[in-house]
Structures are given as structure tokens and as C-alpha cells.
Amino acid sequence: MSLQISTRQFNDVTILDLRGSLLGTEGERLRVVSKSFVDIDPGKLLFNLTELRQIDSSGICVVVQAHLSLKKRGGNLKLITPQGQARDTLMVLHLLDIIPTFENEAQALASFAPKN
């Protein structure tokens, strides 16, 4: 199954829902989409990976690039935990320890709220 990307907004958080497999040239598609959001508003970006089944090195590079680009500009990338092989791959590379990761969307969105 190829990668399906849908976008939605929740307050000031842009959510990218990723479904399928993030393999090969699909990584370039995600890079273009995520870069457009980073360039327009380097603020709050959430990758919903709950329906992402596979990810390879090109997909990992895109996730890391988005994280670093946002961080450098004062923004944040956060993840909702993937399943299956995608989760295993991100865990082996310790990306789930480096990039803030949450089990569900409610937790992820709440984490963007300012701390009082």
C-alpha cells in the first residue's frame, strides 16, 4: 500500500495523517508536504503515524529533517506512535526517545498547550 497523506488543523497545530507505507519515493512526497508547512509556519506539526505500517531510511530521513528544521526555527514536531514494523524501526533507531511521541492524539495535542 502506498503512502496516503491527509492534512488537518486543530487550533494552531497542523496534523499530517500518514497511512500505508513510507518507502522509497514516498519519502520525497512527505518531505515536500512537511517542508511546505515548515516554511509557511514553523510552529507545531504533528505526524499521526497510527496507520503507518512500514518505514524505510528515506522516510526516517524525512521525519528527522522535519524535526530538526522545526527545532532550529523554534517549532515542534511530535509523533503519534506507529504500529508494526514502523514502530519497531523507529524504536531501534531511538527516534521515539528523541522526538516527543504520544500514544494518542488527545495526549499529543495537549502537549502543545503552553505550560502555566
PDB file of N, CA and C in Angstrom:
ATOM      1  N   MET A   1       0.846  -1.186   0.000  1.00  0.00           N
ATOM      2  CA  MET A   1       0.000   0.000   0.000  1.00  0.00           C
ATOM      3  C   MET A   1       0.884   1.238   0.000  1.00  0.00           C
ATOM      4  N   SER A   2       0.654   2.146  -0.914  1.00  0.00           N
ATOM      5  CA  SER A   2       1.445   3.369  -0.966  1.00  0.00           C
ATOM      6  C   SER A   2       1.027   4.316   0.164  1.00  0.00           C
ATOM      7  N   LEU A   3       1.763   5.377   0.289  1.00  0.00           N
ATOM      8  CA  LEU A   3       1.518   6.342   1.358  1.00  0.00           C
ATOM      9  C   LEU A   3       0.356   7.257   1.008  1.00  0.00           C
ATOM     10  N   GLN A   4      -0.548   7.417   1.949  1.00  0.00           N
ATOM     11  CA  GLN A   4      -1.628   8.389   1.833  1.00  0.00           C
ATOM     12  C   GLN A   4      -1.378   9.455   2.897  1.00  0.00           C
ATOM     13  N   ILE A   5      -1.431  10.714   2.474  1.00  0.00           N
ATOM     14  CA  ILE A   5      -1.194  11.833   3.385  1.00  0.00           C
ATOM     15  C   ILE A   5      -2.435  12.714   3.387  1.00  0.00           C
ATOM     16  N   SER A   6      -2.996  12.921   4.554  1.00  0.00           N
ATOM     17  CA  SER A   6      -4.087  13.892   4.669  1.00  0.00           C
ATOM     18  C   SER A   6      -3.701  14.905   5.736  1.00  0.00           C
ATOM     19  N   THR A   7      -4.199  16.105   5.564  1.00  0.00           N
ATOM     20  CA  THR A   7      -3.835  17.195   6.466  1.00  0.00           C
ATOM     21  C   THR A   7      -5.077  17.773   7.104  1.00  0.00           C
ATOM     22  N   ARG A   8      -4.909  18.152   8.336  1.00  0.00           N
ATOM     23  CA  ARG A   8      -5.993  18.840   9.041  1.00  0.00           C
ATOM     24  C   ARG A   8      -5.382  19.766  10.077  1.00  0.00           C
ATOM     25  N   GLN A   9      -6.208  20.633  10.599  1.00  0.00           N
ATOM     26  CA  GLN A   9      -5.763  21.637  11.550  1.00  0.00           C
ATOM     27  C   GLN A   9      -6.549  21.485  12.840  1.00  0.00           C
ATOM     28  N   PHE A  10      -5.873  21.605  13.971  1.00  0.00           N
ATOM     29  CA  PHE A  10      -6.531  21.680  15.267  1.00  0.00           C
ATOM     30  C   PHE A  10      -5.926  22.874  15.982  1.00  0.00           C
ATOM     31  N   ASN A  11      -6.700  23.944  16.100  1.00  0.00           N
ATOM     32  CA  ASN A  11      -6.191  25.216  16.621  1.00  0.00           C
ATOM     33  C   ASN A  11      -4.935  25.592  15.847  1.00  0.00           C
ATOM     34  N   ASP A  12      -3.792  25.711  16.509  1.00  0.00           N
ATOM     35  CA  ASP A  12      -2.567  26.121  15.802  1.00  0.00           C
ATOM     36  C   ASP A  12      -1.639  24.943  15.500  1.00  0.00           C
ATOM     37  N   VAL A  13      -2.162  23.722  15.571  1.00  0.00           N
ATOM     38  CA  VAL A  13      -1.375  22.520  15.290  1.00  0.00           C
ATOM     39  C   VAL A  13      -1.797  21.957  13.928  1.00  0.00           C
ATOM     40  N   THR A  14      -0.819  21.745  13.059  1.00  0.00           N
ATOM     41  CA  THR A  14      -1.071  21.077  11.782  1.00  0.00           C
ATOM     42  C   THR A  14      -0.832  19.586  11.977  1.00  0.00           C
ATOM     43  N   ILE A  15      -1.803  18.785  11.596  1.00  0.00           N
ATOM     44  CA  ILE A  15      -1.719  17.329  11.752  1.00  0.00           C
ATOM     45  C   ILE A  15      -1.613  16.693  10.373  1.00  0.00           C
ATOM     46  N   LEU A  16      -0.587  15.885  10.190  1.00  0.00           N
ATOM     47  CA  LEU A  16      -0.456  15.094   8.972  1.00  0.00           C
ATOM     48  C   LEU A  16      -0.759  13.650   9.329  1.00  0.00           C
ATOM     49  N   ASP A  17      -1.851  13.117   8.781  1.00  0.00           N
ATOM     50  CA  ASP A  17      -2.216  11.718   8.984  1.00  0.00           C
ATOM     51  C   ASP A  17      -1.543  10.897   7.888  1.00  0.00           C
ATOM     52  N   LEU A  18      -0.697   9.943   8.288  1.00  0.00           N
ATOM     53  CA  LEU A  18       0.033   9.121   7.334  1.00  0.00           C
ATOM     54  C   LEU A  18      -0.509   7.696   7.392  1.00  0.00           C
ATOM     55  N   ARG A  19      -0.898   7.172   6.231  1.00  0.00           N
ATOM     56  CA  ARG A  19      -1.436   5.807   6.148  1.00  0.00           C
ATOM     57  C   ARG A  19      -0.665   5.021   5.103  1.00  0.00           C
ATOM     58  N   GLY A  20      -0.392   3.765   5.416  1.00  0.00           N
ATOM     59  CA  GLY A  20       0.257   2.904   4.436  1.00  0.00           C
ATOM     60  C   GLY A  20       1.734   2.723   4.717  1.00  0.00           C
ATOM     61  N   SER A  21       2.534   2.839   3.665  1.00  0.00           N
ATOM     62  CA  SER A  21       3.970   2.597   3.759  1.00  0.00           C
ATOM     63  C   SER A  21       4.758   3.816   3.315  1.00  0.00           C
ATOM     64  N   LEU A  22       5.738   4.172   4.111  1.00  0.00           N
ATOM     65  CA  LEU A  22       6.618   5.303   3.815  1.00  0.00           C
ATOM     66  C   LEU A  22       7.943   4.725   3.330  1.00  0.00           C
ATOM     67  N   LEU A  23       7.941   4.333   2.052  1.00  0.00           N
ATOM     68  CA  LEU A  23       9.084   3.646   1.463  1.00  0.00           C
ATOM     69  C   LEU A  23       9.505   4.353   0.177  1.00  0.00           C
ATOM     70  N   GLY A  24      10.816   4.392  -0.087  1.00  0.00           N
ATOM     71  CA  GLY A  24      11.342   4.906  -1.356  1.00  0.00           C
ATOM     72  C   GLY A  24      10.889   6.311  -1.677  1.00  0.00           C
ATOM     73  N   THR A  25      10.304   6.500  -2.847  1.00  0.00           N
ATOM     74  CA  THR A  25       9.931   7.829  -3.329  1.00  0.00           C
ATOM     75  C   THR A  25       8.788   8.453  -2.534  1.00  0.00           C
ATOM     76  N   GLU A  26       8.079   7.646  -1.752  1.00  0.00           N
ATOM     77  CA  GLU A  26       7.021   8.199  -0.900  1.00  0.00           C
ATOM     78  C   GLU A  26       7.625   9.165   0.124  1.00  0.00           C
ATOM     79  N   GLY A  27       8.874   8.921   0.511  1.00  0.00           N
ATOM     80  CA  GLY A  27       9.561   9.826   1.426  1.00  0.00           C
ATOM     81  C   GLY A  27       9.688  11.221   0.849  1.00  0.00           C
ATOM     82  N   GLU A  28       9.936  11.299  -0.449  1.00  0.00           N
ATOM     83  CA  GLU A  28      10.043  12.607  -1.113  1.00  0.00           C
ATOM     84  C   GLU A  28       8.703  13.336  -1.084  1.00  0.00           C
ATOM     85  N   ARG A  29       7.611  12.605  -1.284  1.00  0.00           N
ATOM     86  CA  ARG A  29       6.283  13.228  -1.204  1.00  0.00           C
ATOM     87  C   ARG A  29       6.045  13.831   0.174  1.00  0.00           C
ATOM     88  N   LEU A  30       6.367  13.076   1.214  1.00  0.00           N
ATOM     89  CA  LEU A  30       6.180  13.582   2.572  1.00  0.00           C
ATOM     90  C   LEU A  30       7.105  14.757   2.841  1.00  0.00           C
ATOM     91  N   ARG A  31       8.330  14.702   2.324  1.00  0.00           N
ATOM     92  CA  ARG A  31       9.270  15.807   2.520  1.00  0.00           C
ATOM     93  C   ARG A  31       8.710  17.104   1.941  1.00  0.00           C
ATOM     94  N   VAL A  32       8.159  17.028   0.744  1.00  0.00           N
ATOM     95  CA  VAL A  32       7.593  18.218   0.094  1.00  0.00           C
ATOM     96  C   VAL A  32       6.426  18.767   0.905  1.00  0.00           C
ATOM     97  N   VAL A  33       5.535  17.883   1.336  1.00  0.00           N
ATOM     98  CA  VAL A  33       4.364  18.322   2.104  1.00  0.00           C
ATOM     99  C   VAL A  33       4.789  18.922   3.440  1.00  0.00           C
ATOM    100  N   SER A  34       5.642  18.223   4.189  1.00  0.00           N
ATOM    101  CA  SER A  34       6.033  18.728   5.512  1.00  0.00           C
ATOM    102  C   SER A  34       6.863  20.002   5.393  1.00  0.00           C
ATOM    103  N   LYS A  35       7.718  20.080   4.376  1.00  0.00           N
ATOM    104  CA  LYS A  35       8.546  21.284   4.189  1.00  0.00           C
ATOM    105  C   LYS A  35       7.665  22.497   3.904  1.00  0.00           C
ATOM    106  N   SER A  36       6.580  22.304   3.166  1.00  0.00           N
ATOM    107  CA  SER A  36       5.699  23.436   2.878  1.00  0.00           C
ATOM    108  C   SER A  36       5.098  23.997   4.169  1.00  0.00           C
ATOM    109  N   PHE A  37       4.751  23.139   5.110  1.00  0.00           N
ATOM    110  CA  PHE A  37       4.218  23.616   6.388  1.00  0.00           C
ATOM    111  C   PHE A  37       5.314  24.263   7.233  1.00  0.00           C
ATOM    112  N   VAL A  38       6.504  23.697   7.232  1.00  0.00           N
ATOM    113  CA  VAL A  38       7.620  24.261   7.995  1.00  0.00           C
ATOM    114  C   VAL A  38       7.982  25.630   7.447  1.00  0.00           C
ATOM    115  N   ASP A  39       7.989  25.784   6.121  1.00  0.00           N
ATOM    116  CA  ASP A  39       8.347  27.066   5.504  1.00  0.00           C
ATOM    117  C   ASP A  39       7.299  28.138   5.757  1.00  0.00           C
ATOM    118  N   ILE A  40       6.023  27.752   5.736  1.00  0.00           N
ATOM    119  CA  ILE A  40       4.939  28.716   5.935  1.00  0.00           C
ATOM    120  C   ILE A  40       4.837  29.150   7.388  1.00  0.00           C
ATOM    121  N   ASP A  41       4.820  28.180   8.287  1.00  0.00           N
ATOM    122  CA  ASP A  41       4.654  28.469   9.710  1.00  0.00           C
ATOM    123  C   ASP A  41       5.432  27.433  10.518  1.00  0.00           C
ATOM    124  N   PRO A  42       6.668  27.767  10.861  1.00  0.00           N
ATOM    125  CA  PRO A  42       7.477  26.793  11.612  1.00  0.00           C
ATOM    126  C   PRO A  42       7.025  26.690  13.066  1.00  0.00           C
ATOM    127  N   GLY A  43       5.830  26.214  13.257  1.00  0.00           N
ATOM    128  CA  GLY A  43       5.267  26.145  14.602  1.00  0.00           C
ATOM    129  C   GLY A  43       5.089  24.741  15.098  1.00  0.00           C
ATOM    130  N   LYS A  44       3.862  24.274  15.057  1.00  0.00           N
ATOM    131  CA  LYS A  44       3.505  22.998  15.675  1.00  0.00           C
ATOM    132  C   LYS A  44       3.023  22.020  14.602  1.00  0.00           C
ATOM    133  N   LEU A  45       3.756  20.923  14.488  1.00  0.00           N
ATOM    134  CA  LEU A  45       3.443  19.910  13.491  1.00  0.00           C
ATOM    135  C   LEU A  45       3.345  18.548  14.170  1.00  0.00           C
ATOM    136  N   LEU A  46       2.284  17.813  13.861  1.00  0.00           N
ATOM    137  CA  LEU A  46       2.051  16.504  14.452  1.00  0.00           C
ATOM    138  C   LEU A  46       1.918  15.478  13.337  1.00  0.00           C
ATOM    139  N   PHE A  47       2.796  14.477  13.361  1.00  0.00           N
ATOM    140  CA  PHE A  47       2.689  13.357  12.430  1.00  0.00           C
ATOM    141  C   PHE A  47       1.902  12.257  13.127  1.00  0.00           C
ATOM    142  N   ASN A  48       0.708  11.978  12.607  1.00  0.00           N
ATOM    143  CA  ASN A  48      -0.102  10.881  13.130  1.00  0.00           C
ATOM    144  C   ASN A  48       0.326   9.617  12.390  1.00  0.00           C
ATOM    145  N   LEU A  49       1.068   8.752  13.074  1.00  0.00           N
ATOM    146  CA  LEU A  49       1.628   7.554  12.470  1.00  0.00           C
ATOM    147  C   LEU A  49       0.865   6.285  12.837  1.00  0.00           C
ATOM    148  N   THR A  50      -0.307   6.416  13.430  1.00  0.00           N
ATOM    149  CA  THR A  50      -1.023   5.233  13.911  1.00  0.00           C
ATOM    150  C   THR A  50      -1.364   4.249  12.797  1.00  0.00           C
ATOM    151  N   GLU A  51      -1.503   4.734  11.570  1.00  0.00           N
ATOM    152  CA  GLU A  51      -1.833   3.842  10.458  1.00  0.00           C
ATOM    153  C   GLU A  51      -0.664   3.680   9.485  1.00  0.00           C
ATOM    154  N   LEU A  52       0.528   4.062   9.926  1.00  0.00           N
ATOM    155  CA  LEU A  52       1.733   3.849   9.122  1.00  0.00           C
ATOM    156  C   LEU A  52       2.250   2.452   9.422  1.00  0.00           C
ATOM    157  N   ARG A  53       2.356   1.633   8.422  1.00  0.00           N
ATOM    158  CA  ARG A  53       2.735   0.226   8.619  1.00  0.00           C
ATOM    159  C   ARG A  53       4.215  -0.037   8.409  1.00  0.00           C
ATOM    160  N   GLN A  54       4.842   0.678   7.460  1.00  0.00           N
ATOM    161  CA  GLN A  54       6.257   0.458   7.163  1.00  0.00           C
ATOM    162  C   GLN A  54       6.941   1.792   6.934  1.00  0.00           C
ATOM    163  N   ILE A  55       8.236   1.821   7.280  1.00  0.00           N
ATOM    164  CA  ILE A  55       9.047   2.999   7.026  1.00  0.00           C
ATOM    165  C   ILE A  55      10.464   2.527   6.729  1.00  0.00           C
ATOM    166  N   ASP A  56      11.102   3.167   5.749  1.00  0.00           N
ATOM    167  CA  ASP A  56      12.489   2.819   5.427  1.00  0.00           C
ATOM    168  C   ASP A  56      13.378   4.033   5.681  1.00  0.00           C
ATOM    169  N   SER A  57      14.625   3.941   5.270  1.00  0.00           N
ATOM    170  CA  SER A  57      15.599   5.000   5.563  1.00  0.00           C
ATOM    171  C   SER A  57      15.203   6.341   4.949  1.00  0.00           C
ATOM    172  N   SER A  58      14.574   6.336   3.779  1.00  0.00           N
ATOM    173  CA  SER A  58      14.167   7.614   3.184  1.00  0.00           C
ATOM    174  C   SER A  58      13.070   8.268   4.025  1.00  0.00           C
ATOM    175  N   GLY A  59      12.151   7.475   4.536  1.00  0.00           N
ATOM    176  CA  GLY A  59      11.100   8.009   5.401  1.00  0.00           C
ATOM    177  C   GLY A  59      11.647   8.508   6.720  1.00  0.00           C
ATOM    178  N   ILE A  60      12.593   7.774   7.277  1.00  0.00           N
ATOM    179  CA  ILE A  60      13.221   8.187   8.530  1.00  0.00           C
ATOM    180  C   ILE A  60      13.940   9.520   8.345  1.00  0.00           C
ATOM    181  N   CYS A  61      14.630   9.671   7.225  1.00  0.00           N
ATOM    182  CA  CYS A  61      15.326  10.936   6.938  1.00  0.00           C
ATOM    183  C   CYS A  61      14.355  12.105   6.908  1.00  0.00           C
ATOM    184  N   VAL A  62      13.190  11.902   6.318  1.00  0.00           N
ATOM    185  CA  VAL A  62      12.191  12.968   6.246  1.00  0.00           C
ATOM    186  C   VAL A  62      11.707  13.361   7.635  1.00  0.00           C
ATOM    187  N   VAL A  63      11.438  12.377   8.473  1.00  0.00           N
ATOM    188  CA  VAL A  63      10.977  12.656   9.838  1.00  0.00           C
ATOM    189  C   VAL A  63      12.056  13.412  10.608  1.00  0.00           C
ATOM    190  N   VAL A  64      13.304  12.973  10.502  1.00  0.00           N
ATOM    191  CA  VAL A  64      14.402  13.636  11.203  1.00  0.00           C
ATOM    192  C   VAL A  64      14.609  15.056  10.666  1.00  0.00           C
ATOM    193  N   GLN A  65      14.549  15.227   9.347  1.00  0.00           N
ATOM    194  CA  GLN A  65      14.717  16.564   8.762  1.00  0.00           C
ATOM    195  C   GLN A  65      13.623  17.516   9.244  1.00  0.00           C
ATOM    196  N   ALA A  66      12.383  17.046   9.270  1.00  0.00           N
ATOM    197  CA  ALA A  66      11.288  17.893   9.749  1.00  0.00           C
ATOM    198  C   ALA A  66      11.508  18.278  11.202  1.00  0.00           C
ATOM    199  N   HIS A  67      11.905  17.315  12.018  1.00  0.00           N
ATOM    200  CA  HIS A  67      12.172  17.565  13.437  1.00  0.00           C
ATOM    201  C   HIS A  67      13.266  18.622  13.603  1.00  0.00           C
ATOM    202  N   LEU A  68      14.374  18.462  12.897  1.00  0.00           N
ATOM    203  CA  LEU A  68      15.498  19.393  13.034  1.00  0.00           C
ATOM    204  C   LEU A  68      15.162  20.773  12.483  1.00  0.00           C
ATOM    205  N   SER A  69      14.464  20.826  11.349  1.00  0.00           N
ATOM    206  CA  SER A  69      14.089  22.120  10.765  1.00  0.00           C
ATOM    207  C   SER A  69      13.183  22.904  11.701  1.00  0.00           C
ATOM    208  N   LEU A  70      12.203  22.227  12.260  1.00  0.00           N
ATOM    209  CA  LEU A  70      11.292  22.905  13.179  1.00  0.00           C
ATOM    210  C   LEU A  70      12.007  23.343  14.447  1.00  0.00           C
ATOM    211  N   LYS A  71      12.818  22.470  14.981  1.00  0.00           N
ATOM    212  CA  LYS A  71      13.536  22.788  16.220  1.00  0.00           C
ATOM    213  C   LYS A  71      14.432  24.012  16.029  1.00  0.00           C
ATOM    214  N   LYS A  72      15.115  24.073  14.881  1.00  0.00           N
ATOM    215  CA  LYS A  72      16.011  25.195  14.594  1.00  0.00           C
ATOM    216  C   LYS A  72      15.245  26.518  14.498  1.00  0.00           C
ATOM    217  N   ARG A  73      13.986  26.442  14.083  1.00  0.00           N
ATOM    218  CA  ARG A  73      13.162  27.645  13.919  1.00  0.00           C
ATOM    219  C   ARG A  73      12.255  27.904  15.115  1.00  0.00           C
ATOM    220  N   GLY A  74      12.429  27.145  16.178  1.00  0.00           N
ATOM    221  CA  GLY A  74      11.625  27.354  17.380  1.00  0.00           C
ATOM    222  C   GLY A  74      10.298  26.619  17.376  1.00  0.00           C
ATOM    223  N   GLY A  75      10.101  25.724  16.424  1.00  0.00           N
ATOM    224  CA  GLY A  75       8.864  24.958  16.352  1.00  0.00           C
ATOM    225  C   GLY A  75       9.022  23.584  16.967  1.00  0.00           C
ATOM    226  N   ASN A  76       7.980  22.778  16.838  1.00  0.00           N
ATOM    227  CA  ASN A  76       7.980  21.427  17.413  1.00  0.00           C
ATOM    228  C   ASN A  76       7.355  20.432  16.460  1.00  0.00           C
ATOM    229  N   LEU A  77       7.995  19.280  16.343  1.00  0.00           N
ATOM    230  CA  LEU A  77       7.395  18.127  15.695  1.00  0.00           C
ATOM    231  C   LEU A  77       7.145  17.094  16.776  1.00  0.00           C
ATOM    232  N   LYS A  78       5.953  16.532  16.758  1.00  0.00           N
ATOM    233  CA  LYS A  78       5.615  15.459  17.684  1.00  0.00           C
ATOM    234  C   LYS A  78       4.982  14.337  16.883  1.00  0.00           C
ATOM    235  N   LEU A  79       5.033  13.148  17.446  1.00  0.00           N
ATOM    236  CA  LEU A  79       4.536  11.960  16.758  1.00  0.00           C
ATOM    237  C   LEU A  79       3.465  11.260  17.581  1.00  0.00           C
ATOM    238  N   ILE A  80       2.517  10.655  16.872  1.00  0.00           N
ATOM    239  CA  ILE A  80       1.628   9.694  17.497  1.00  0.00           C
ATOM    240  C   ILE A  80       2.170   8.339  17.068  1.00  0.00           C
ATOM    241  N   THR A  81       2.390   7.462  18.024  1.00  0.00           N
ATOM    242  CA  THR A  81       3.098   6.206  17.829  1.00  0.00           C
ATOM    243  C   THR A  81       2.537   5.365  16.692  1.00  0.00           C
ATOM    244  N   PRO A  82       3.430   4.872  15.828  1.00  0.00           N
ATOM    245  CA  PRO A  82       3.013   3.953  14.763  1.00  0.00           C
ATOM    246  C   PRO A  82       2.851   2.534  15.299  1.00  0.00           C
ATOM    247  N   GLN A  83       2.448   1.643  14.427  1.00  0.00           N
ATOM    248  CA  GLN A  83       2.263   0.240  14.772  1.00  0.00           C
ATOM    249  C   GLN A  83       3.228  -0.624  13.956  1.00  0.00           C
ATOM    250  N   GLY A  84       3.324  -1.882  14.299  1.00  0.00           N
ATOM    251  CA  GLY A  84       4.039  -2.868  13.495  1.00  0.00           C
ATOM    252  C   GLY A  84       5.488  -2.542  13.203  1.00  0.00           C
ATOM    253  N   GLN A  85       5.883  -2.816  11.956  1.00  0.00           N
ATOM    254  CA  GLN A  85       7.265  -2.631  11.525  1.00  0.00           C
ATOM    255  C   GLN A  85       7.710  -1.182  11.665  1.00  0.00           C
ATOM    256  N   ALA A  86       6.830  -0.239  11.388  1.00  0.00           N
ATOM    257  CA  ALA A  86       7.203   1.178  11.502  1.00  0.00           C
ATOM    258  C   ALA A  86       7.603   1.508  12.939  1.00  0.00           C
ATOM    259  N   ARG A  87       6.831   1.027  13.895  1.00  0.00           N
ATOM    260  CA  ARG A  87       7.152   1.257  15.313  1.00  0.00           C
ATOM    261  C   ARG A  87       8.483   0.600  15.669  1.00  0.00           C
ATOM    262  N   ASP A  88       8.671  -0.640  15.239  1.00  0.00           N
ATOM    263  CA  ASP A  88       9.916  -1.359  15.537  1.00  0.00           C
ATOM    264  C   ASP A  88      11.130  -0.610  14.998  1.00  0.00           C
ATOM    265  N   THR A  89      11.025  -0.129  13.765  1.00  0.00           N
ATOM    266  CA  THR A  89      12.140   0.590  13.138  1.00  0.00           C
ATOM    267  C   THR A  89      12.470   1.868  13.904  1.00  0.00           C
ATOM    268  N   LEU A  90      11.447   2.644  14.242  1.00  0.00           N
ATOM    269  CA  LEU A  90      11.689   3.894  14.969  1.00  0.00           C
ATOM    270  C   LEU A  90      12.229   3.629  16.375  1.00  0.00           C
ATOM    271  N   MET A  91      11.798   2.524  16.985  1.00  0.00           N
ATOM    272  CA  MET A  91      12.304   2.176  18.320  1.00  0.00           C
ATOM    273  C   MET A  91      13.773   1.763  18.260  1.00  0.00           C
ATOM    274  N   VAL A  92      14.135   0.952  17.278  1.00  0.00           N
ATOM    275  CA  VAL A  92      15.529   0.504  17.146  1.00  0.00           C
ATOM    276  C   VAL A  92      16.464   1.693  16.963  1.00  0.00           C
ATOM    277  N   LEU A  93      16.000   2.700  16.234  1.00  0.00           N
ATOM    278  CA  LEU A  93      16.818   3.894  15.987  1.00  0.00           C
ATOM    279  C   LEU A  93      16.693   4.927  17.112  1.00  0.00           C
ATOM    280  N   HIS A  94      15.901   4.635  18.124  1.00  0.00           N
ATOM    281  CA  HIS A  94      15.678   5.507  19.289  1.00  0.00           C
ATOM    282  C   HIS A  94      15.027   6.842  18.931  1.00  0.00           C
ATOM    283  N   LEU A  95      14.378   6.910  17.781  1.00  0.00           N
ATOM    284  CA  LEU A  95      13.710   8.157  17.404  1.00  0.00           C
ATOM    285  C   LEU A  95      12.500   8.435  18.277  1.00  0.00           C
ATOM    286  N   LEU A  96      11.886   7.397  18.811  1.00  0.00           N
ATOM    287  CA  LEU A  96      10.734   7.606  19.689  1.00  0.00           C
ATOM    288  C   LEU A  96      11.172   8.169  21.041  1.00  0.00           C
ATOM    289  N   ASP A  97      12.481   8.091  21.331  1.00  0.00           N
ATOM    290  CA  ASP A  97      13.026   8.712  22.543  1.00  0.00           C
ATOM    291  C   ASP A  97      13.455  10.155  22.275  1.00  0.00           C
ATOM    292  N   ILE A  98      13.823  10.444  21.048  1.00  0.00           N
ATOM    293  CA  ILE A  98      14.352  11.762  20.687  1.00  0.00           C
ATOM    294  C   ILE A  98      13.236  12.738  20.323  1.00  0.00           C
ATOM    295  N   ILE A  99      12.292  12.269  19.521  1.00  0.00           N
ATOM    296  CA  ILE A  99      11.167  13.110  19.106  1.00  0.00           C
ATOM    297  C   ILE A  99       9.999  12.800  20.045  1.00  0.00           C
ATOM    298  N   PRO A 100       9.400  13.828  20.649  1.00  0.00           N
ATOM    299  CA  PRO A 100       8.288  13.574  21.561  1.00  0.00           C
ATOM    300  C   PRO A 100       7.200  12.733  20.883  1.00  0.00           C
ATOM    301  N   THR A 101       6.832  11.640  21.542  1.00  0.00           N
ATOM    302  CA  THR A 101       5.915  10.668  20.963  1.00  0.00           C
ATOM    303  C   THR A 101       4.809  10.347  21.962  1.00  0.00           C
ATOM    304  N   PHE A 102       3.598  10.212  21.442  1.00  0.00           N
ATOM    305  CA  PHE A 102       2.434  10.001  22.287  1.00  0.00           C
ATOM    306  C   PHE A 102       1.615   8.829  21.770  1.00  0.00           C
ATOM    307  N   GLU A 103       0.873   8.195  22.661  1.00  0.00           N
ATOM    308  CA  GLU A 103       0.072   7.032  22.311  1.00  0.00           C
ATOM    309  C   GLU A 103      -1.222   7.396  21.585  1.00  0.00           C
ATOM    310  N   ASN A 104      -1.720   8.624  21.800  1.00  0.00           N
ATOM    311  CA  ASN A 104      -2.956   9.006  21.124  1.00  0.00           C
ATOM    312  C   ASN A 104      -2.955  10.503  20.813  1.00  0.00           C
ATOM    313  N   GLU A 105      -3.909  10.892  19.995  1.00  0.00           N
ATOM    314  CA  GLU A 105      -3.976  12.274  19.521  1.00  0.00           C
ATOM    315  C   GLU A 105      -4.281  13.264  20.641  1.00  0.00           C
ATOM    316  N   ALA A 106      -5.153  12.899  21.551  1.00  0.00           N
ATOM    317  CA  ALA A 106      -5.506  13.809  22.650  1.00  0.00           C
ATOM    318  C   ALA A 106      -4.274  14.168  23.476  1.00  0.00           C
ATOM    319  N   GLN A 107      -3.464  13.170  23.811  1.00  0.00           N
ATOM    320  CA  GLN A 107      -2.231  13.427  24.570  1.00  0.00           C
ATOM    321  C   GLN A 107      -1.271  14.310  23.777  1.00  0.00           C
ATOM    322  N   ALA A 108      -1.131  14.017  22.496  1.00  0.00           N
ATOM    323  CA  ALA A 108      -0.210  14.784  21.662  1.00  0.00           C
ATOM    324  C   ALA A 108      -0.636  16.236  21.560  1.00  0.00           C
ATOM    325  N   LEU A 109      -1.916  16.465  21.309  1.00  0.00           N
ATOM    326  CA  LEU A 109      -2.413  17.840  21.194  1.00  0.00           C
ATOM    327  C   LEU A 109      -2.292  18.586  22.520  1.00  0.00           C
ATOM    328  N   ALA A 110      -2.581  17.918  23.630  1.00  0.00           N
ATOM    329  CA  ALA A 110      -2.451  18.551  24.947  1.00  0.00           C
ATOM    330  C   ALA A 110      -1.014  18.959  25.227  1.00  0.00           C
ATOM    331  N   SER A 111      -0.062  18.213  24.691  1.00  0.00           N
ATOM    332  CA  SER A 111       1.364  18.506  24.951  1.00  0.00           C
ATOM    333  C   SER A 111       1.812  19.809  24.278  1.00  0.00           C
ATOM    334  N   PHE A 112       1.073  20.260  23.288  1.00  0.00           N
ATOM    335  CA  PHE A 112       1.413  21.523  22.613  1.00  0.00           C
ATOM    336  C   PHE A 112       0.935  22.730  23.398  1.00  0.00           C
ATOM    337  N   ALA A 113       0.018  22.535  24.368  1.00  0.00           N
ATOM    338  CA  ALA A 113      -0.529  23.648  25.138  1.00  0.00           C
ATOM    339  C   ALA A 113       0.559  24.281  25.984  1.00  0.00           C
ATOM    340  N   PRO A 114       0.512  25.615  26.122  1.00  0.00           N
ATOM    341  CA  PRO A 114       1.517  26.282  26.954  1.00  0.00           C
ATOM    342  C   PRO A 114       1.434  25.811  28.403  1.00  0.00           C
ATOM    343  N   LYS A 115       2.573  25.676  29.023  1.00  0.00           N
ATOM    344  CA  LYS A 115       2.639  25.282  30.437  1.00  0.00           C
ATOM    345  C   LYS A 115       2.458  26.530  31.297  1.00  0.00           C
ATOM    346  N   ASN A 116       1.616  26.422  32.298  1.00  0.00           N
ATOM    347  CA  ASN A 116       1.389  27.578  33.210  1.00  0.00           C
ATOM    348  C   ASN A 116       2.289  27.489  34.410  1.00  0.00           C
TER     349      ASN A 116
END
